[in-house]
Amino acid sequence: MNVHSQLIHSLEARYYTDPAHFEREKDGLLARTWQFAGHASLLQKPGDYFTIDIAGESIVCLKDREGVLRAYFNVCQHRAHQLVQGEGNTKLLVCPYHSWTYELTGGLRSGPNVKSVPGFDRNQICLSTVQIEDFCGFLFVNLDPNAKPMDAWFPNVREELRSFVPHIDRLQPLE
């Protein structure tokens, strides 16, 4: 026997199709909660990266030279051009618009004519970071810089998942 005495209905279609509802979701739910970005197997080697769009923002996730996972808003600090697309491997992030070049750690390495600008300090320019976490081999990002870690959101879930699948962190998608 079904434990539900009444039929359970989905939300009305407008909640899925109305642009105004989507805007509210982007600013609230999508921008302030942990969102699945990709599988950790996409970032195996230093310089590996992939991009994803969340809440209307382009994000680049990568592994730096020391093996640290990083995520940034995928936008150059000079003229707000998108830095990279898709996935791949790179030694540096180079903006295709004016060739501003960033280290994988997010700091500005160089840009055309920056040495000729009086008082320009490239050490003050860096990519805007996005929080990223590896959660049992699954990468999640959060656009909220003050968001609590995933373990605070989901206490004991890592351990519970590992109790069911002890090698979950080593699993990789087949396709």
C-alpha atoms as a PDB file:
ATOM      1  CA  MET A   1       0.000   0.000   0.000  1.00  0.00           C
ATOM      2  CA  ASN A   2       1.191   3.490  -0.814  1.00  0.00           C
ATOM      3  CA  VAL A   3       2.069   5.535   2.286  1.00  0.00           C
ATOM      4  CA  HIS A   4       0.821   8.702   0.586  1.00  0.00           C
ATOM      5  CA  SER A   5      -2.926   9.110   0.792  1.00  0.00           C
ATOM      6  CA  GLN A   6      -2.892  11.945  -1.730  1.00  0.00           C
ATOM      7  CA  LEU A   7      -1.287  12.372  -5.090  1.00  0.00           C
ATOM      8  CA  ILE A   8       1.924  14.408  -4.935  1.00  0.00           C
ATOM      9  CA  HIS A   9       2.087  17.086  -7.604  1.00  0.00           C
ATOM     10  CA  SER A  10       5.039  18.928  -9.048  1.00  0.00           C
ATOM     11  CA  LEU A  11       5.345  22.686  -8.989  1.00  0.00           C
ATOM     12  CA  GLU A  12       3.331  24.559 -11.571  1.00  0.00           C
ATOM     13  CA  ALA A  13       5.086  24.900 -14.939  1.00  0.00           C
ATOM     14  CA  ARG A  14       5.621  28.639 -14.482  1.00  0.00           C
ATOM     15  CA  TYR A  15       8.140  27.949 -11.736  1.00  0.00           C
ATOM     16  CA  TYR A  16      10.313  26.224 -14.337  1.00  0.00           C
ATOM     17  CA  THR A  17       9.706  28.572 -17.270  1.00  0.00           C
ATOM     18  CA  ASP A  18       9.116  32.086 -15.915  1.00  0.00           C
ATOM     19  CA  PRO A  19      12.239  34.276 -16.374  1.00  0.00           C
ATOM     20  CA  ALA A  20      11.374  36.260 -13.218  1.00  0.00           C
ATOM     21  CA  HIS A  21      11.419  33.069 -11.132  1.00  0.00           C
ATOM     22  CA  PHE A  22      14.735  32.099 -12.695  1.00  0.00           C
ATOM     23  CA  GLU A  23      16.251  35.490 -11.801  1.00  0.00           C
ATOM     24  CA  ARG A  24      15.181  35.033  -8.178  1.00  0.00           C
ATOM     25  CA  GLU A  25      16.654  31.518  -8.176  1.00  0.00           C
ATOM     26  CA  LYS A  26      19.955  32.782  -9.642  1.00  0.00           C
ATOM     27  CA  ASP A  27      20.362  35.411  -6.950  1.00  0.00           C
ATOM     28  CA  GLY A  28      19.210  33.154  -4.144  1.00  0.00           C
ATOM     29  CA  LEU A  29      19.391  29.400  -4.403  1.00  0.00           C
ATOM     30  CA  LEU A  30      21.909  28.980  -7.243  1.00  0.00           C
ATOM     31  CA  ALA A  31      24.329  31.690  -6.105  1.00  0.00           C
ATOM     32  CA  ARG A  32      24.383  30.727  -2.426  1.00  0.00           C
ATOM     33  CA  THR A  33      24.405  26.941  -2.372  1.00  0.00           C
ATOM     34  CA  TRP A  34      26.882  24.264  -3.409  1.00  0.00           C
ATOM     35  CA  GLN A  35      26.386  23.356  -7.076  1.00  0.00           C
ATOM     36  CA  PHE A  36      27.816  20.319  -8.867  1.00  0.00           C
ATOM     37  CA  ALA A  37      30.504  21.473 -11.304  1.00  0.00           C
ATOM     38  CA  GLY A  38      32.110  18.278 -12.609  1.00  0.00           C
ATOM     39  CA  HIS A  39      33.974  15.133 -11.729  1.00  0.00           C
ATOM     40  CA  ALA A  40      37.451  15.302 -10.187  1.00  0.00           C
ATOM     41  CA  SER A  41      38.773  13.112 -13.017  1.00  0.00           C
ATOM     42  CA  LEU A  42      38.527  16.176 -15.282  1.00  0.00           C
ATOM     43  CA  LEU A  43      41.372  17.765 -13.269  1.00  0.00           C
ATOM     44  CA  GLN A  44      43.994  15.046 -13.043  1.00  0.00           C
ATOM     45  CA  LYS A  45      47.131  16.948 -14.107  1.00  0.00           C
ATOM     46  CA  PRO A  46      48.390  20.441 -13.286  1.00  0.00           C
ATOM     47  CA  GLY A  47      46.919  22.862 -15.815  1.00  0.00           C
ATOM     48  CA  ASP A  48      43.795  20.785 -16.479  1.00  0.00           C
ATOM     49  CA  TYR A  49      40.678  22.968 -16.541  1.00  0.00           C
ATOM     50  CA  PHE A  50      37.010  22.949 -17.452  1.00  0.00           C
ATOM     51  CA  THR A  51      34.325  25.618 -17.539  1.00  0.00           C
ATOM     52  CA  ILE A  52      30.748  25.598 -16.335  1.00  0.00           C
ATOM     53  CA  ASP A  53      27.936  28.143 -16.220  1.00  0.00           C
ATOM     54  CA  ILE A  54      26.114  28.578 -12.913  1.00  0.00           C
ATOM     55  CA  ALA A  55      23.519  31.230 -12.129  1.00  0.00           C
ATOM     56  CA  GLY A  56      24.446  33.113 -15.290  1.00  0.00           C
ATOM     57  CA  GLU A  57      28.143  33.183 -14.401  1.00  0.00           C
ATOM     58  CA  SER A  58      30.937  31.432 -16.275  1.00  0.00           C
ATOM     59  CA  ILE A  59      33.291  29.596 -13.906  1.00  0.00           C
ATOM     60  CA  VAL A  60      36.651  28.006 -14.703  1.00  0.00           C
ATOM     61  CA  CYS A  61      37.746  25.123 -12.458  1.00  0.00           C
ATOM     62  CA  LEU A  62      41.388  24.041 -12.604  1.00  0.00           C
ATOM     63  CA  LYS A  63      44.284  22.318 -10.935  1.00  0.00           C
ATOM     64  CA  ASP A  64      47.301  24.555 -10.354  1.00  0.00           C
ATOM     65  CA  ARG A  65      50.968  23.532 -10.576  1.00  0.00           C
ATOM     66  CA  GLU A  66      51.024  22.421  -6.923  1.00  0.00           C
ATOM     67  CA  GLY A  67      47.934  20.253  -7.422  1.00  0.00           C
ATOM     68  CA  VAL A  68      45.555  22.638  -5.633  1.00  0.00           C
ATOM     69  CA  LEU A  69      41.993  22.770  -6.958  1.00  0.00           C
ATOM     70  CA  ARG A  70      40.914  26.304  -7.800  1.00  0.00           C
ATOM     71  CA  ALA A  71      37.890  28.002  -9.306  1.00  0.00           C
ATOM     72  CA  TYR A  72      37.534  31.526 -10.655  1.00  0.00           C
ATOM     73  CA  PHE A  73      34.954  33.642 -12.358  1.00  0.00           C
ATOM     74  CA  ASN A  74      35.966  33.053 -15.976  1.00  0.00           C
ATOM     75  CA  VAL A  75      36.453  36.718 -16.793  1.00  0.00           C
ATOM     76  CA  CYS A  76      39.504  38.876 -17.409  1.00  0.00           C
ATOM     77  CA  GLN A  77      39.955  41.742 -14.974  1.00  0.00           C
ATOM     78  CA  HIS A  78      40.902  44.112 -17.810  1.00  0.00           C
ATOM     79  CA  ARG A  79      37.877  44.233 -20.121  1.00  0.00           C
ATOM     80  CA  ALA A  80      35.726  41.397 -18.720  1.00  0.00           C
ATOM     81  CA  HIS A  81      36.276  39.061 -21.663  1.00  0.00           C
ATOM     82  CA  GLN A  82      35.807  35.328 -21.120  1.00  0.00           C
ATOM     83  CA  LEU A  83      39.211  33.702 -20.582  1.00  0.00           C
ATOM     84  CA  VAL A  84      38.700  30.063 -21.657  1.00  0.00           C
ATOM     85  CA  GLN A  85      35.978  27.780 -22.969  1.00  0.00           C
ATOM     86  CA  GLY A  86      35.279  24.078 -22.658  1.00  0.00           C
ATOM     87  CA  GLU A  87      38.031  21.979 -21.145  1.00  0.00           C
ATOM     88  CA  GLY A  88      41.720  21.407 -21.719  1.00  0.00           C
ATOM     89  CA  ASN A  89      45.165  21.902 -20.261  1.00  0.00           C
ATOM     90  CA  THR A  90      47.128  25.142 -20.042  1.00  0.00           C
ATOM     91  CA  LYS A  91      50.192  26.588 -18.355  1.00  0.00           C
ATOM     92  CA  LEU A  92      48.634  30.063 -18.056  1.00  0.00           C
ATOM     93  CA  LEU A  93      45.226  31.678 -18.501  1.00  0.00           C
ATOM     94  CA  VAL A  94      45.534  34.123 -21.404  1.00  0.00           C
ATOM     95  CA  CYS A  95      42.707  36.462 -22.296  1.00  0.00           C
ATOM     96  CA  PRO A  96      42.049  36.252 -26.059  1.00  0.00           C
ATOM     97  CA  TYR A  97      40.986  39.934 -26.165  1.00  0.00           C
ATOM     98  CA  HIS A  98      44.093  41.871 -25.010  1.00  0.00           C
ATOM     99  CA  SER A  99      46.406  39.024 -23.906  1.00  0.00           C
ATOM    100  CA  TRP A 100      46.321  39.730 -20.212  1.00  0.00           C
ATOM    101  CA  THR A 101      47.945  36.651 -18.727  1.00  0.00           C
ATOM    102  CA  TYR A 102      47.176  35.063 -15.374  1.00  0.00           C
ATOM    103  CA  GLU A 103      48.982  32.399 -13.376  1.00  0.00           C
ATOM    104  CA  LEU A 104      46.983  29.294 -12.471  1.00  0.00           C
ATOM    105  CA  THR A 105      46.967  30.697  -8.928  1.00  0.00           C
ATOM    106  CA  GLY A 106      44.898  33.621 -10.268  1.00  0.00           C
ATOM    107  CA  GLY A 107      47.515  36.371 -10.061  1.00  0.00           C
ATOM    108  CA  LEU A 108      48.188  38.658 -13.020  1.00  0.00           C
ATOM    109  CA  ARG A 109      51.449  37.711 -14.714  1.00  0.00           C
ATOM    110  CA  SER A 110      51.533  40.283 -17.496  1.00  0.00           C
ATOM    111  CA  GLY A 111      49.603  42.423 -19.910  1.00  0.00           C
ATOM    112  CA  PRO A 112      50.478  44.630 -22.880  1.00  0.00           C
ATOM    113  CA  ASN A 113      51.877  47.998 -21.815  1.00  0.00           C
ATOM    114  CA  VAL A 114      51.251  47.496 -18.078  1.00  0.00           C
ATOM    115  CA  LYS A 115      54.829  48.564 -17.344  1.00  0.00           C
ATOM    116  CA  SER A 116      54.209  51.900 -19.052  1.00  0.00           C
ATOM    117  CA  VAL A 117      51.251  52.780 -16.798  1.00  0.00           C
ATOM    118  CA  PRO A 118      52.494  54.888 -13.858  1.00  0.00           C
ATOM    119  CA  GLY A 119      51.695  53.318 -10.503  1.00  0.00           C
ATOM    120  CA  PHE A 120      50.271  50.120 -12.002  1.00  0.00           C
ATOM    121  CA  ASP A 121      50.876  47.253  -9.590  1.00  0.00           C
ATOM    122  CA  ARG A 122      50.132  43.901 -11.205  1.00  0.00           C
ATOM    123  CA  ASN A 123      50.286  42.299  -7.759  1.00  0.00           C
ATOM    124  CA  GLN A 124      47.006  44.066  -6.950  1.00  0.00           C
ATOM    125  CA  ILE A 125      45.175  42.403  -9.878  1.00  0.00           C
ATOM    126  CA  CYS A 126      43.927  38.827  -9.686  1.00  0.00           C
ATOM    127  CA  LEU A 127      41.065  36.663 -10.833  1.00  0.00           C
ATOM    128  CA  SER A 128      38.009  36.602  -8.575  1.00  0.00           C
ATOM    129  CA  THR A 129      37.881  33.285  -6.735  1.00  0.00           C
ATOM    130  CA  VAL A 130      34.964  30.936  -6.359  1.00  0.00           C
ATOM    131  CA  GLN A 131      34.845  28.334  -3.598  1.00  0.00           C
ATOM    132  CA  ILE A 132      35.475  24.782  -4.823  1.00  0.00           C
ATOM    133  CA  GLU A 133      35.440  21.474  -2.945  1.00  0.00           C
ATOM    134  CA  ASP A 134      36.161  17.888  -3.843  1.00  0.00           C
ATOM    135  CA  PHE A 135      33.366  15.889  -2.244  1.00  0.00           C
ATOM    136  CA  CYS A 136      34.182  12.192  -2.684  1.00  0.00           C
ATOM    137  CA  GLY A 137      35.461  12.767  -6.219  1.00  0.00           C
ATOM    138  CA  PHE A 138      32.687  15.153  -7.212  1.00  0.00           C
ATOM    139  CA  LEU A 139      33.568  18.840  -7.562  1.00  0.00           C
ATOM    140  CA  PHE A 140      31.177  21.443  -6.219  1.00  0.00           C
ATOM    141  CA  VAL A 141      31.396  25.239  -6.379  1.00  0.00           C
ATOM    142  CA  ASN A 142      29.689  27.962  -4.404  1.00  0.00           C
ATOM    143  CA  LEU A 143      29.513  31.558  -5.628  1.00  0.00           C
ATOM    144  CA  ASP A 144      29.015  32.832  -2.088  1.00  0.00           C
ATOM    145  CA  PRO A 145      32.464  33.705  -0.676  1.00  0.00           C
ATOM    146  CA  ASN A 146      31.091  33.318   2.866  1.00  0.00           C
ATOM    147  CA  ALA A 147      29.466  29.918   2.367  1.00  0.00           C
ATOM    148  CA  LYS A 148      30.220  27.292   4.968  1.00  0.00           C
ATOM    149  CA  PRO A 149      32.142  24.182   3.820  1.00  0.00           C
ATOM    150  CA  MET A 150      30.155  21.272   2.442  1.00  0.00           C
ATOM    151  CA  ASP A 151      30.781  19.221   5.592  1.00  0.00           C
ATOM    152  CA  ALA A 152      28.850  21.879   7.541  1.00  0.00           C
ATOM    153  CA  TRP A 153      25.975  21.680   5.056  1.00  0.00           C
ATOM    154  CA  PHE A 154      25.990  17.884   4.927  1.00  0.00           C
ATOM    155  CA  PRO A 155      27.427  16.572   8.203  1.00  0.00           C
ATOM    156  CA  ASN A 156      28.767  13.014   8.096  1.00  0.00           C
ATOM    157  CA  VAL A 157      27.680  12.467   4.474  1.00  0.00           C
ATOM    158  CA  ARG A 158      31.257  11.890   3.239  1.00  0.00           C
ATOM    159  CA  GLU A 159      31.772   9.127   5.769  1.00  0.00           C
ATOM    160  CA  GLU A 160      28.358   7.621   5.057  1.00  0.00           C
ATOM    161  CA  LEU A 161      29.043   7.535   1.301  1.00  0.00           C
ATOM    162  CA  ARG A 162      32.466   5.979   1.884  1.00  0.00           C
ATOM    163  CA  SER A 163      30.901   3.316   4.103  1.00  0.00           C
ATOM    164  CA  PHE A 164      28.760   2.228   1.140  1.00  0.00           C
ATOM    165  CA  VAL A 165      31.445   2.758  -1.532  1.00  0.00           C
ATOM    166  CA  PRO A 166      34.886   2.672   0.165  1.00  0.00           C
ATOM    167  CA  HIS A 167      36.768   3.648  -2.994  1.00  0.00           C
ATOM    168  CA  ILE A 168      34.312   6.356  -4.153  1.00  0.00           C
ATOM    169  CA  ASP A 169      37.127   8.939  -4.448  1.00  0.00           C
ATOM    170  CA  ARG A 170      38.920   6.795  -7.049  1.00  0.00           C
ATOM    171  CA  LEU A 171      35.906   6.116  -9.268  1.00  0.00           C
ATOM    172  CA  GLN A 172      35.805   7.748 -12.695  1.00  0.00           C
ATOM    173  CA  PRO A 173      33.078   8.117 -15.289  1.00  0.00           C
ATOM    174  CA  LEU A 174      33.358   5.674 -18.185  1.00  0.00           C
ATOM    175  CA  GLU A 175      32.014   8.149 -20.727  1.00  0.00           C
END
